[in-house]
Amino acid sequence: MNGLEKLRKIALAVILAWGWRRALIAVVAGAASALAMAPFNAWPVLFVTFPVLVWLIDGAGAGRLGGVPAAALSGWWFGFGYFLAGLYWIGYAFLVDADIFGWLLPFAVTAMPAGLALFTALGFALARLVWTRDVSRVLALAVGLTVSEWLRGHILTGFPWNAFGYALSEPPALAQTASLIGLWGLTFLAIGIFASPAALIDPSPARGRWFSRPWIAPATALLVLAAMGAYGTLRLAREPVRLVENVRLRLMQPNLQQDVKFNYAAKQAVMAKYLALSDRATGPASTGVKDTTVLIWPESAFPFFLTREADAMAEIAALLPPGTTLITGAVRPPDGPLRAPIRAYNSIFVIDHDGTILDIYDKLHLVPFGEYLPFQAAMESLGFQQLTKLRGGYIPGLRRKTLDLPHAPRVLPLICYEAIFPGEVVPPNERPSWIVNVTNDGWFGISTGPYQHLQQARMRAIEEGLPLVRAANTGISAVVDPLGRVVARLGLGVEGVLDAALPSALPPPLYARVGDLPAAIMVALAAIWVTRRRRRTTTG
């Protein structure tokens, strides 16, 4: 039995599987597909798992209503396996205050994947509606899943975490295509490329057009992958890392545990650690913070309201020499007297060397269940509270904005997972020179979560042609150039400071200028072609 015959035998087993066997195949394929994401980046595994999706939908045709419900169910099982394996680390957040939230851990770890899997179910259903008998059904899958992934990134404030396009973010040469078509264009290409070997099981027609032949799909996929690699290699070679003159960054990564980070009693210990760490010499020629133009501390850095603690502001002013600016995350109460229940903003402060607050950005895109509850009042009346335990939830900011710095170029602030939303980070007519992303991934321990977070923030740098500077409480802090190259980093779970120069921005690439339009055109043209092929194959 040759290799093609073995492949057809495997495909037939998948197509004919039903009941629990079918569900198990889909779950295993989904869980294995998560290996394509950071930190593993084992994207070739998708050449094995994504053809299974095509065969599952092939087999759904024996069901009712044209196989659409059966295809959707297979899609749900695949999505459940994918998100369970890729997002297991969310459970760590429920162990920070285990006495309060620990009992919710098994529900959160399974309920979130179950909910997100509804989108993959939709993608399978959409694909089945335009399913064909030839190699064009690979494009049907790409259309259906790209649409459902885009919806996942937008509905109910959106959660595009681990979108399939991130599989093409490593190596850096492949990721450069994001500068043209963005994450959703990469998602369309990834699904089509990795699902293409499924067509190899199709019988070769004695007569017919060239695109009806089964080898066309994988051959085309390899050509596209090679073209992406060639384009990216050329782009990386033509754009060496360039640096902004006279700007020196220092990122402080304190590696504080969550029970300390949000404990007011630890105020003095936290401030002492920040001050000492920020002024630490990193080599024989280092003079600590005196070498620094911009000092950056992570998200919600203090276990208190910074603006209400005059002694803390005085200590910061004493730390900063003339010519040095601090960018720090901090929880900010509304202006005016404090009233119970105390609500607050998750903010970024820009503080000058004399302790003057130069500017403030309030987080716009809050984390559901972390920073607020859907139907907040009703859920609080039932005894629920978000992980941050701030009654009433955080207050969202009014708009995205850039910040002016006295000794460095204009910067775009992003707090935590605001960096995962493609096309939403740069405000209109306010193009900055760099992006600063402060975050507190300490909620998720030593897990794959922080690696995935960095992977997604790095993609925004490529899409926008802007360098990204990321300060994380427990890691991973990094400086990324506008082509996505990590030029400096501190590892996960490490305490320290990272000194680096600021990479220069590029002119706005195609994606930064036209957004998701190229991806939308690709999906629309594919949908039209697949629909026409379906009409021909069903009437022929």
Protein backbone atom coordinates (compact mmCIF):
# COMPACT_ATOMS: atom_id res chain seq x y z
CA MET A 1 0.00 0.00 0.00
CA ASN A 2 1.55 3.31 -1.08
CA GLY A 3 1.36 6.59 0.80
CA LEU A 4 -1.61 7.95 -1.13
CA GLU A 5 -3.61 4.78 -0.53
CA LYS A 6 -2.86 4.99 3.20
CA LEU A 7 -3.99 8.62 3.22
CA ARG A 8 -7.25 7.67 1.50
CA LYS A 9 -7.81 4.93 4.04
CA ILE A 10 -7.36 7.39 6.92
CA ALA A 11 -9.60 9.93 5.23
CA LEU A 12 -12.32 7.31 4.68
CA ALA A 13 -12.20 6.37 8.36
CA VAL A 14 -12.72 10.03 9.31
CA ILE A 15 -15.49 10.55 6.76
CA LEU A 16 -17.40 7.46 7.91
CA ALA A 17 -16.88 8.02 11.64
CA TRP A 18 -20.02 8.86 13.60
CA GLY A 19 -21.13 9.40 17.17
CA TRP A 20 -18.48 9.53 19.86
CA ARG A 21 -15.72 8.50 17.42
CA ARG A 22 -16.43 11.51 15.27
CA ALA A 23 -16.44 13.81 18.30
CA LEU A 24 -13.16 12.32 19.56
CA ILE A 25 -11.46 12.81 16.19
CA ALA A 26 -12.56 16.46 16.12
CA VAL A 27 -11.46 17.14 19.72
CA VAL A 28 -8.03 15.56 19.19
CA ALA A 29 -7.54 17.49 15.95
CA GLY A 30 -8.45 20.71 17.76
CA ALA A 31 -6.17 20.10 20.73
CA ALA A 32 -3.25 19.17 18.46
CA SER A 33 -3.83 22.32 16.40
CA ALA A 34 -3.10 24.45 19.48
CA LEU A 35 0.55 23.39 19.11
CA ALA A 36 0.74 25.83 16.18
CA MET A 37 0.49 28.73 18.64
CA ALA A 38 3.22 30.17 20.88
CA PRO A 39 5.39 29.05 22.53
CA PHE A 40 5.55 25.88 20.41
CA ASN A 41 4.93 27.46 16.99
CA ALA A 42 4.74 23.94 15.54
CA TRP A 43 2.63 25.12 12.59
CA PRO A 44 3.44 22.12 10.33
CA VAL A 45 1.11 20.10 12.58
CA LEU A 46 -1.77 21.91 10.85
CA PHE A 47 -0.93 20.07 7.62
CA VAL A 48 -2.12 17.00 9.53
CA THR A 49 -5.03 18.39 11.55
CA PHE A 50 -6.71 20.77 9.09
CA PRO A 51 -7.28 18.13 6.37
CA VAL A 52 -9.24 16.27 9.05
CA LEU A 53 -11.65 19.22 9.13
CA VAL A 54 -12.34 18.83 5.42
CA TRP A 55 -13.01 15.13 5.81
CA LEU A 56 -15.29 15.71 8.80
CA ILE A 57 -17.40 18.06 6.69
CA ASP A 58 -17.29 15.58 3.79
CA GLY A 59 -18.79 12.97 6.12
CA ALA A 60 -21.44 15.36 7.41
CA GLY A 61 -23.20 15.19 4.04
CA ALA A 62 -25.01 12.04 5.12
CA GLY A 63 -26.83 13.95 7.85
CA ARG A 64 -30.07 15.90 7.73
CA LEU A 65 -30.55 19.36 6.24
CA GLY A 66 -27.67 18.89 3.86
CA GLY A 67 -25.31 17.94 6.66
CA VAL A 68 -25.18 21.47 8.09
CA PRO A 69 -26.09 20.47 11.69
CA ALA A 70 -23.64 17.55 11.63
CA ALA A 71 -20.89 19.80 10.28
CA ALA A 72 -21.62 22.40 12.96
CA LEU A 73 -21.42 19.76 15.69
CA SER A 74 -18.06 18.57 14.38
CA GLY A 75 -16.90 22.19 14.31
CA TRP A 76 -17.97 22.66 17.90
CA TRP A 77 -16.00 19.62 19.05
CA PHE A 78 -12.94 20.79 17.13
CA GLY A 79 -13.21 24.27 18.62
CA PHE A 80 -13.68 22.89 22.12
CA GLY A 81 -10.48 20.86 21.83
CA TYR A 82 -8.59 23.78 20.31
CA PHE A 83 -9.59 26.36 22.90
CA LEU A 84 -9.33 23.96 25.83
CA ALA A 85 -5.71 23.17 24.95
CA GLY A 86 -4.86 26.74 23.97
CA LEU A 87 -6.56 28.60 26.84
CA TYR A 88 -6.15 26.23 29.80
CA TRP A 89 -3.99 28.88 31.48
CA ILE A 90 -7.05 31.03 32.18
CA GLY A 91 -7.60 28.72 35.14
CA TYR A 92 -4.49 30.11 36.84
CA ALA A 93 -6.30 33.42 37.42
CA PHE A 94 -8.89 31.66 39.58
CA LEU A 95 -6.15 30.37 41.89
CA VAL A 96 -4.85 33.84 42.80
CA ASP A 97 -7.71 34.16 45.31
CA ALA A 98 -8.50 30.47 45.51
CA ASP A 99 -10.68 30.87 48.60
CA ILE A 100 -13.05 33.10 46.63
CA PHE A 101 -12.72 31.97 43.02
CA GLY A 102 -11.18 28.50 43.19
CA TRP A 103 -14.51 26.70 42.91
CA LEU A 104 -15.11 28.42 39.56
CA LEU A 105 -11.92 27.07 37.99
CA PRO A 106 -13.34 23.91 36.34
CA PHE A 107 -16.33 25.87 35.05
CA ALA A 108 -14.20 28.68 33.62
CA VAL A 109 -11.68 26.36 32.00
CA THR A 110 -14.44 24.43 30.21
CA ALA A 111 -17.17 27.07 29.77
CA MET A 112 -15.01 29.53 27.88
CA PRO A 113 -13.80 26.97 25.30
CA ALA A 114 -17.39 25.72 24.99
CA GLY A 115 -18.60 29.24 24.22
CA LEU A 116 -15.80 30.08 21.81
CA ALA A 117 -16.38 26.77 20.04
CA LEU A 118 -19.75 28.11 18.90
CA PHE A 119 -17.82 30.24 16.43
CA THR A 120 -15.98 27.28 14.92
CA ALA A 121 -19.34 25.50 14.76
CA LEU A 122 -20.65 28.45 12.77
CA GLY A 123 -17.60 28.36 10.50
CA PHE A 124 -18.16 24.67 9.72
CA ALA A 125 -21.85 25.31 9.08
CA LEU A 126 -21.11 28.17 6.68
CA ALA A 127 -18.57 26.02 4.87
CA ARG A 128 -21.05 23.16 4.53
CA LEU A 129 -23.62 25.50 2.98
CA VAL A 130 -21.29 26.12 0.00
CA TRP A 131 -19.52 22.75 0.06
CA THR A 132 -18.40 21.29 -3.25
CA ARG A 133 -17.24 17.93 -4.57
CA ASP A 134 -13.79 19.02 -5.72
CA VAL A 135 -10.69 20.77 -4.42
CA SER A 136 -12.55 24.08 -4.17
CA ARG A 137 -14.12 22.84 -0.93
CA VAL A 138 -10.80 23.71 0.73
CA LEU A 139 -11.61 27.33 -0.06
CA ALA A 140 -15.14 26.81 1.28
CA LEU A 141 -13.60 25.86 4.62
CA ALA A 142 -11.28 28.88 4.51
CA VAL A 143 -14.20 31.22 3.80
CA GLY A 144 -16.43 29.77 6.52
CA LEU A 145 -13.80 29.72 9.25
CA THR A 146 -12.37 33.15 8.36
CA VAL A 147 -15.83 34.70 8.65
CA SER A 148 -16.45 32.97 11.98
CA GLU A 149 -13.01 33.95 13.30
CA TRP A 150 -13.64 37.58 12.35
CA LEU A 151 -16.95 37.43 14.20
CA ARG A 152 -15.18 35.95 17.23
CA GLY A 153 -12.88 38.95 17.16
CA HIS A 154 -15.77 41.43 17.23
CA ILE A 155 -18.96 40.07 18.83
CA LEU A 156 -19.52 40.87 22.54
CA THR A 157 -16.43 43.16 22.55
CA GLY A 158 -14.45 40.45 20.74
CA PHE A 159 -11.85 37.88 21.73
CA PRO A 160 -9.57 37.08 18.75
CA TRP A 161 -7.08 35.21 20.91
CA ASN A 162 -5.17 32.47 19.02
CA ALA A 163 -6.87 33.25 15.71
CA PHE A 164 -5.65 30.70 13.17
CA GLY A 165 -3.63 33.35 11.32
CA TYR A 166 -1.13 33.46 14.19
CA ALA A 167 0.13 30.09 13.00
CA LEU A 168 1.92 32.06 10.26
CA SER A 169 3.63 34.44 12.70
CA GLU A 170 6.76 32.30 12.90
CA PRO A 171 9.29 32.38 11.38
CA PRO A 172 9.42 36.18 11.02
CA ALA A 173 9.64 35.94 7.22
CA LEU A 174 6.14 34.41 7.02
CA ALA A 175 4.73 37.03 9.39
CA GLN A 176 5.63 39.91 7.06
CA THR A 177 2.55 39.23 4.95
CA ALA A 178 0.56 40.71 7.85
CA SER A 179 1.85 44.13 6.76
CA LEU A 180 -0.25 43.65 3.60
CA ILE A 181 -3.37 41.74 4.65
CA GLY A 182 -3.40 41.74 8.46
CA LEU A 183 -4.42 38.97 10.81
CA TRP A 184 -7.67 38.10 9.04
CA GLY A 185 -5.95 37.78 5.69
CA LEU A 186 -3.37 35.51 7.31
CA THR A 187 -6.20 33.50 8.83
CA PHE A 188 -7.74 32.92 5.39
CA LEU A 189 -4.39 31.88 3.95
CA ALA A 190 -3.52 29.65 6.90
CA ILE A 191 -6.76 27.68 6.68
CA GLY A 192 -6.49 27.25 2.91
CA ILE A 193 -2.80 26.32 2.99
CA PHE A 194 -2.95 23.83 5.83
CA ALA A 195 -6.22 22.18 4.75
CA SER A 196 -5.03 21.69 1.16
CA PRO A 197 -3.62 18.12 1.55
CA ALA A 198 -7.21 16.91 2.09
CA ALA A 199 -7.73 17.17 -1.67
CA LEU A 200 -5.10 14.50 -2.35
CA ILE A 201 -7.67 11.77 -1.66
CA ASP A 202 -9.94 12.99 -4.47
CA PRO A 203 -10.03 10.89 -7.66
CA SER A 204 -8.30 12.51 -10.63
CA PRO A 205 -10.79 13.13 -13.42
CA ALA A 206 -10.02 11.72 -16.82
CA ARG A 207 -11.07 15.02 -18.29
CA GLY A 208 -11.68 18.40 -16.75
CA ARG A 209 -10.22 21.73 -15.99
CA TRP A 210 -6.83 22.00 -14.32
CA PHE A 211 -8.27 23.19 -11.01
CA SER A 212 -10.34 20.00 -10.74
CA ARG A 213 -7.22 17.91 -10.23
CA PRO A 214 -6.47 17.00 -6.58
CA TRP A 215 -2.77 17.89 -6.60
CA ILE A 216 -3.55 21.50 -7.52
CA ALA A 217 -4.62 22.50 -4.00
CA PRO A 218 -1.48 21.39 -2.08
CA ALA A 219 0.80 22.54 -4.91
CA THR A 220 -0.80 25.98 -4.89
CA ALA A 221 -0.60 26.09 -1.10
CA LEU A 222 3.13 25.37 -1.15
CA LEU A 223 3.66 28.04 -3.79
CA VAL A 224 1.77 30.60 -1.67
CA LEU A 225 3.80 29.61 1.40
CA ALA A 226 7.03 29.93 -0.59
CA ALA A 227 5.96 33.32 -1.94
CA MET A 228 5.19 34.54 1.57
CA GLY A 229 8.60 33.36 2.76
CA ALA A 230 10.38 35.01 -0.16
CA TYR A 231 8.54 38.30 0.33
CA GLY A 232 9.26 38.29 4.05
CA THR A 233 12.93 37.39 3.62
CA LEU A 234 13.38 40.24 1.15
CA ARG A 235 11.54 42.71 3.38
CA LEU A 236 13.62 41.76 6.42
CA ALA A 237 16.85 42.05 4.42
CA ARG A 238 15.92 45.47 3.04
CA GLU A 239 14.87 46.88 6.42
CA PRO A 240 17.62 46.49 9.03
CA VAL A 241 16.88 47.54 12.59
CA ARG A 242 17.12 51.32 12.75
CA LEU A 243 17.17 53.20 16.05
CA VAL A 244 15.85 56.56 17.24
CA GLU A 245 18.73 58.78 18.28
CA ASN A 246 19.09 59.92 21.88
CA VAL A 247 16.29 57.73 23.25
CA ARG A 248 17.20 55.09 25.81
CA LEU A 249 14.53 52.83 27.29
CA ARG A 250 14.55 50.97 30.59
CA LEU A 251 11.80 48.39 31.24
CA MET A 252 11.30 47.31 34.85
CA GLN A 253 9.97 43.77 35.37
CA PRO A 254 9.37 43.26 39.12
CA ASN A 255 7.94 39.72 38.95
CA LEU A 256 5.51 40.45 41.79
CA GLN A 257 3.06 37.76 42.79
CA GLN A 258 -0.59 38.75 42.59
CA ASP A 259 -1.26 38.50 46.35
CA VAL A 260 1.43 41.16 46.86
CA LYS A 261 0.62 43.31 43.85
CA PHE A 262 -2.91 44.06 45.08
CA ASN A 263 -2.20 44.19 48.83
CA TYR A 264 -2.15 47.72 50.27
CA ALA A 265 -0.23 46.48 53.30
CA ALA A 266 2.67 45.74 50.94
CA LYS A 267 2.83 49.36 49.77
CA GLN A 268 6.28 50.16 51.18
CA ALA A 269 7.78 46.86 50.06
CA VAL A 270 6.43 47.30 46.52
CA MET A 271 7.71 50.87 46.22
CA ALA A 272 11.11 49.94 47.64
CA LYS A 273 11.44 47.12 45.12
CA TYR A 274 10.41 49.30 42.19
CA LEU A 275 12.83 52.08 43.12
CA ALA A 276 15.78 49.79 43.74
CA LEU A 277 15.16 47.69 40.64
CA SER A 278 14.66 50.73 38.39
CA ASP A 279 18.01 52.18 39.49
CA ARG A 280 19.91 48.89 39.31
CA ALA A 281 23.21 48.95 37.44
CA THR A 282 23.23 46.39 34.64
CA GLY A 283 26.95 46.42 33.90
CA PRO A 284 30.26 48.01 34.82
CA ALA A 285 29.53 51.12 32.74
CA SER A 286 25.87 51.43 33.79
CA THR A 287 24.71 54.32 35.95
CA GLY A 288 21.22 52.94 36.50
CA VAL A 289 18.26 55.11 35.68
CA LYS A 290 20.53 58.10 34.91
CA ASP A 291 21.19 56.58 31.48
CA THR A 292 17.46 56.40 30.75
CA THR A 293 15.21 58.63 28.66
CA VAL A 294 11.99 56.68 29.29
CA LEU A 295 11.48 54.36 32.27
CA ILE A 296 8.52 51.99 31.90
CA TRP A 297 6.70 50.13 34.69
CA PRO A 298 3.98 47.50 34.07
CA GLU A 299 0.17 47.58 34.27
CA SER A 300 -1.61 48.49 37.54
CA ALA A 301 1.81 48.71 39.15
CA PHE A 302 0.70 49.88 42.61
CA PRO A 303 -1.51 48.37 45.33
CA PHE A 304 -2.93 51.85 45.95
CA PHE A 305 -4.19 54.95 44.13
CA LEU A 306 -0.95 56.61 43.06
CA THR A 307 -2.38 60.12 42.90
CA ARG A 308 -3.68 59.80 46.49
CA GLU A 309 -0.27 58.86 47.92
CA ALA A 310 1.91 61.96 48.05
CA ASP A 311 4.85 60.08 49.53
CA ALA A 312 4.90 57.63 46.61
CA MET A 313 4.83 60.50 44.10
CA ALA A 314 7.71 62.14 45.98
CA GLU A 315 9.73 58.92 45.83
CA ILE A 316 9.16 58.71 42.07
CA ALA A 317 10.27 62.33 41.64
CA ALA A 318 13.41 61.60 43.67
CA LEU A 319 14.17 58.57 41.48
CA LEU A 320 13.85 60.32 38.12
CA PRO A 321 16.77 62.51 37.02
CA PRO A 322 16.18 65.51 34.72
CA GLY A 323 15.53 64.29 31.18
CA THR A 324 13.89 61.03 32.31
CA THR A 325 10.15 60.34 32.00
CA LEU A 326 8.23 57.51 33.67
CA ILE A 327 5.43 55.65 31.89
CA THR A 328 3.59 53.48 34.38
CA GLY A 329 0.35 51.62 34.77
CA ALA A 330 -1.77 52.59 37.76
CA VAL A 331 -5.35 52.33 38.97
CA ARG A 332 -6.90 55.80 38.91
CA PRO A 333 -9.99 56.91 40.86
CA PRO A 334 -12.43 59.37 39.26
CA ASP A 335 -11.83 63.01 39.96
CA GLY A 336 -13.45 64.31 43.11
CA PRO A 337 -13.96 62.80 46.59
CA LEU A 338 -13.96 59.02 46.94
CA ARG A 339 -17.37 57.46 47.43
CA ALA A 340 -18.38 53.87 48.11
CA PRO A 341 -18.46 51.73 46.13
CA ILE A 342 -15.11 52.91 44.79
CA ARG A 343 -14.83 52.55 41.03
CA ALA A 344 -11.70 53.33 39.09
CA TYR A 345 -9.93 53.46 35.74
CA ASN A 346 -7.13 51.15 34.66
CA SER A 347 -4.73 53.81 33.45
CA ILE A 348 -1.31 54.76 32.17
CA PHE A 349 0.43 57.81 33.66
CA VAL A 350 3.21 59.85 32.10
CA ILE A 351 5.25 61.40 34.93
CA ASP A 352 8.06 63.93 34.51
CA HIS A 353 11.26 64.05 36.55
CA ASP A 354 9.77 66.57 38.99
CA GLY A 355 6.73 64.40 39.75
CA THR A 356 4.38 66.26 37.41
CA ILE A 357 1.73 64.11 35.71
CA LEU A 358 2.02 65.10 32.06
CA ASP A 359 -0.72 62.93 30.60
CA ILE A 360 -3.07 60.03 31.36
CA TYR A 361 -4.64 57.32 29.25
CA ASP A 362 -7.58 55.30 30.57
CA LYS A 363 -8.00 51.77 29.28
CA LEU A 364 -10.73 51.66 26.66
CA HIS A 365 -11.19 47.92 26.02
CA LEU A 366 -11.81 46.25 29.38
CA VAL A 367 -11.54 42.49 30.02
CA PRO A 368 -14.91 40.78 30.57
CA PHE A 369 -15.08 38.92 33.90
CA GLY A 370 -11.62 40.28 34.77
CA GLU A 371 -12.33 44.02 34.93
CA TYR A 372 -16.10 44.06 34.65
CA LEU A 373 -19.08 41.72 34.54
CA PRO A 374 -21.63 41.64 31.75
CA PHE A 375 -24.88 42.90 33.28
CA GLN A 376 -22.77 44.12 36.21
CA ALA A 377 -25.52 45.12 38.66
CA ALA A 378 -27.60 41.98 38.12
CA MET A 379 -24.62 39.63 38.49
CA GLU A 380 -23.36 41.45 41.58
CA SER A 381 -26.82 41.13 43.13
CA LEU A 382 -26.45 37.36 42.71
CA GLY A 383 -23.13 37.40 44.54
CA PHE A 384 -20.75 37.33 41.56
CA GLN A 385 -17.69 39.56 41.24
CA GLN A 386 -14.96 39.96 38.64
CA LEU A 387 -11.45 38.73 39.35
CA THR A 388 -10.21 42.20 40.27
CA LYS A 389 -12.95 42.40 42.93
CA LEU A 390 -13.65 46.09 42.26
CA ARG A 391 -17.32 46.56 43.02
CA GLY A 392 -19.13 48.06 40.06
CA GLY A 393 -16.27 47.12 37.73
CA TYR A 394 -13.67 49.35 36.15
CA ILE A 395 -14.72 52.46 34.25
CA PRO A 396 -13.83 52.32 30.54
CA GLY A 397 -11.92 55.21 29.00
CA LEU A 398 -13.50 57.51 26.45
CA ARG A 399 -11.20 57.06 23.45
CA ARG A 400 -7.91 55.75 22.12
CA LYS A 401 -5.25 58.47 22.13
CA THR A 402 -1.55 59.04 21.72
CA LEU A 403 0.67 60.63 24.36
CA ASP A 404 3.32 63.33 23.97
CA LEU A 405 6.62 62.80 25.77
CA PRO A 406 9.16 65.56 26.50
CA HIS A 407 12.28 63.63 25.42
CA ALA A 408 10.97 60.91 23.11
CA PRO A 409 8.63 60.58 20.12
CA ARG A 410 4.85 60.45 20.49
CA VAL A 411 3.69 57.07 21.82
CA LEU A 412 0.49 55.02 21.60
CA PRO A 413 -0.41 53.42 24.97
CA LEU A 414 -2.10 50.00 25.10
CA ILE A 415 -2.99 48.28 28.34
CA CYS A 416 -2.89 44.48 28.58
CA TYR A 417 -5.03 42.73 25.98
CA GLU A 418 -5.84 45.93 24.07
CA ALA A 419 -2.89 44.83 21.95
CA ILE A 420 -4.68 41.76 20.58
CA PHE A 421 -7.23 43.62 18.43
CA PRO A 422 -6.06 44.11 14.83
CA GLY A 423 -7.03 47.33 13.14
CA GLU A 424 -8.21 48.93 16.39
CA VAL A 425 -5.01 50.11 18.03
CA VAL A 426 -4.01 53.30 16.18
CA PRO A 427 -6.51 56.18 16.42
CA PRO A 428 -7.37 57.99 13.17
CA ASN A 429 -5.08 60.90 12.28
CA GLU A 430 -2.87 60.30 15.33
CA ARG A 431 -0.15 58.02 14.02
CA PRO A 432 2.47 57.61 16.76
CA SER A 433 6.15 56.72 16.44
CA TRP A 434 5.92 53.68 18.72
CA ILE A 435 3.58 51.58 20.85
CA VAL A 436 3.96 50.94 24.56
CA ASN A 437 2.07 47.96 25.95
CA VAL A 438 1.97 47.60 29.73
CA THR A 439 0.49 44.38 31.08
CA ASN A 440 0.16 42.15 34.10
CA ASP A 441 0.37 38.59 32.87
CA GLY A 442 1.13 37.50 36.42
CA TRP A 443 -2.48 36.31 36.60
CA PHE A 444 -1.51 33.36 34.40
CA GLY A 445 1.66 32.07 36.04
CA ILE A 446 4.35 30.18 34.16
CA SER A 447 2.14 29.00 31.33
CA THR A 448 1.72 29.38 27.59
CA GLY A 449 -0.56 32.42 28.05
CA PRO A 450 2.15 35.13 28.29
CA TYR A 451 3.93 33.70 25.24
CA GLN A 452 0.71 33.87 23.25
CA HIS A 453 0.11 37.43 24.45
CA LEU A 454 3.54 38.55 23.22
CA GLN A 455 2.99 36.76 19.90
CA GLN A 456 -0.21 38.70 19.31
CA ALA A 457 1.16 42.08 20.40
CA ARG A 458 4.12 41.50 18.08
CA MET A 459 1.71 41.06 15.16
CA ARG A 460 0.35 44.57 15.76
CA ALA A 461 3.88 45.94 15.27
CA ILE A 462 4.09 44.28 11.84
CA GLU A 463 0.58 45.35 10.79
CA GLU A 464 1.11 48.97 11.78
CA GLY A 465 4.82 49.34 10.94
CA LEU A 466 5.47 50.58 14.48
CA PRO A 467 7.96 49.39 17.11
CA LEU A 468 6.39 47.83 20.20
CA VAL A 469 7.77 48.19 23.72
CA ARG A 470 6.19 45.83 26.22
CA ALA A 471 6.58 45.99 30.01
CA ALA A 472 5.06 43.03 31.86
CA ASN A 473 4.95 42.41 35.60
CA THR A 474 6.13 38.79 35.44
CA GLY A 475 7.19 38.81 31.79
CA ILE A 476 7.58 38.64 28.94
CA SER A 477 8.93 42.20 28.61
CA ALA A 478 10.36 42.95 25.18
CA VAL A 479 11.32 45.53 22.59
CA VAL A 480 10.07 44.62 19.11
CA ASP A 481 10.98 46.44 15.91
CA PRO A 482 8.31 47.36 13.29
CA LEU A 483 8.99 44.13 11.39
CA GLY A 484 8.29 42.00 14.43
CA ARG A 485 11.90 41.22 15.30
CA VAL A 486 12.42 40.93 19.06
CA VAL A 487 15.56 42.99 19.64
CA ALA A 488 15.58 42.66 23.44
CA ARG A 489 13.57 40.69 25.99
CA LEU A 490 13.30 39.53 29.60
CA GLY A 491 12.08 35.99 30.10
CA LEU A 492 8.94 34.83 31.87
CA GLY A 493 9.14 34.73 35.66
CA VAL A 494 12.34 36.79 35.79
CA GLU A 495 12.99 39.86 37.95
CA GLY A 496 15.11 42.52 36.32
CA VAL A 497 15.46 45.54 34.09
CA LEU A 498 15.86 45.66 30.35
CA ASP A 499 17.84 48.48 28.73
CA ALA A 500 17.35 49.03 25.01
CA ALA A 501 17.28 51.67 22.31
CA LEU A 502 14.00 52.55 20.61
CA PRO A 503 13.63 51.17 17.06
CA SER A 504 12.46 53.60 14.39
CA ALA A 505 9.00 53.39 12.84
CA LEU A 506 8.40 52.59 9.18
CA PRO A 507 6.09 54.43 6.79
CA PRO A 508 2.56 53.01 7.17
CA PRO A 509 2.38 49.63 5.39
CA LEU A 510 -0.61 48.65 3.25
CA TYR A 511 -2.57 47.20 6.18
CA ALA A 512 -2.10 50.36 8.25
CA ARG A 513 -3.53 52.39 5.35
CA VAL A 514 -6.48 50.27 4.17
CA GLY A 515 -7.16 47.92 7.07
CA ASP A 516 -9.07 44.71 6.43
CA LEU A 517 -10.06 45.60 2.87
CA PRO A 518 -7.57 43.18 1.20
CA ALA A 519 -8.71 40.33 3.45
CA ALA A 520 -12.35 41.11 2.73
CA ILE A 521 -11.69 41.08 -1.03
CA MET A 522 -9.89 37.73 -0.76
CA VAL A 523 -12.74 36.14 1.19
CA ALA A 524 -15.42 37.63 -1.06
CA LEU A 525 -13.75 36.44 -4.28
CA ALA A 526 -13.24 32.97 -2.82
CA ALA A 527 -16.87 32.83 -1.69
CA ILE A 528 -18.08 33.80 -5.17
CA TRP A 529 -15.88 31.22 -6.85
CA VAL A 530 -16.85 28.43 -4.46
CA THR A 531 -20.53 29.26 -4.87
CA ARG A 532 -20.22 29.04 -8.64
CA ARG A 533 -18.35 25.75 -8.39
CA ARG A 534 -21.05 24.37 -6.12
CA ARG A 535 -23.76 25.25 -8.62
CA ARG A 536 -21.82 23.58 -11.42
CA THR A 537 -20.98 20.41 -9.51
CA THR A 538 -24.50 19.96 -8.14
CA THR A 539 -26.13 20.46 -11.53
CA GLY A 540 -23.45 18.73 -13.59
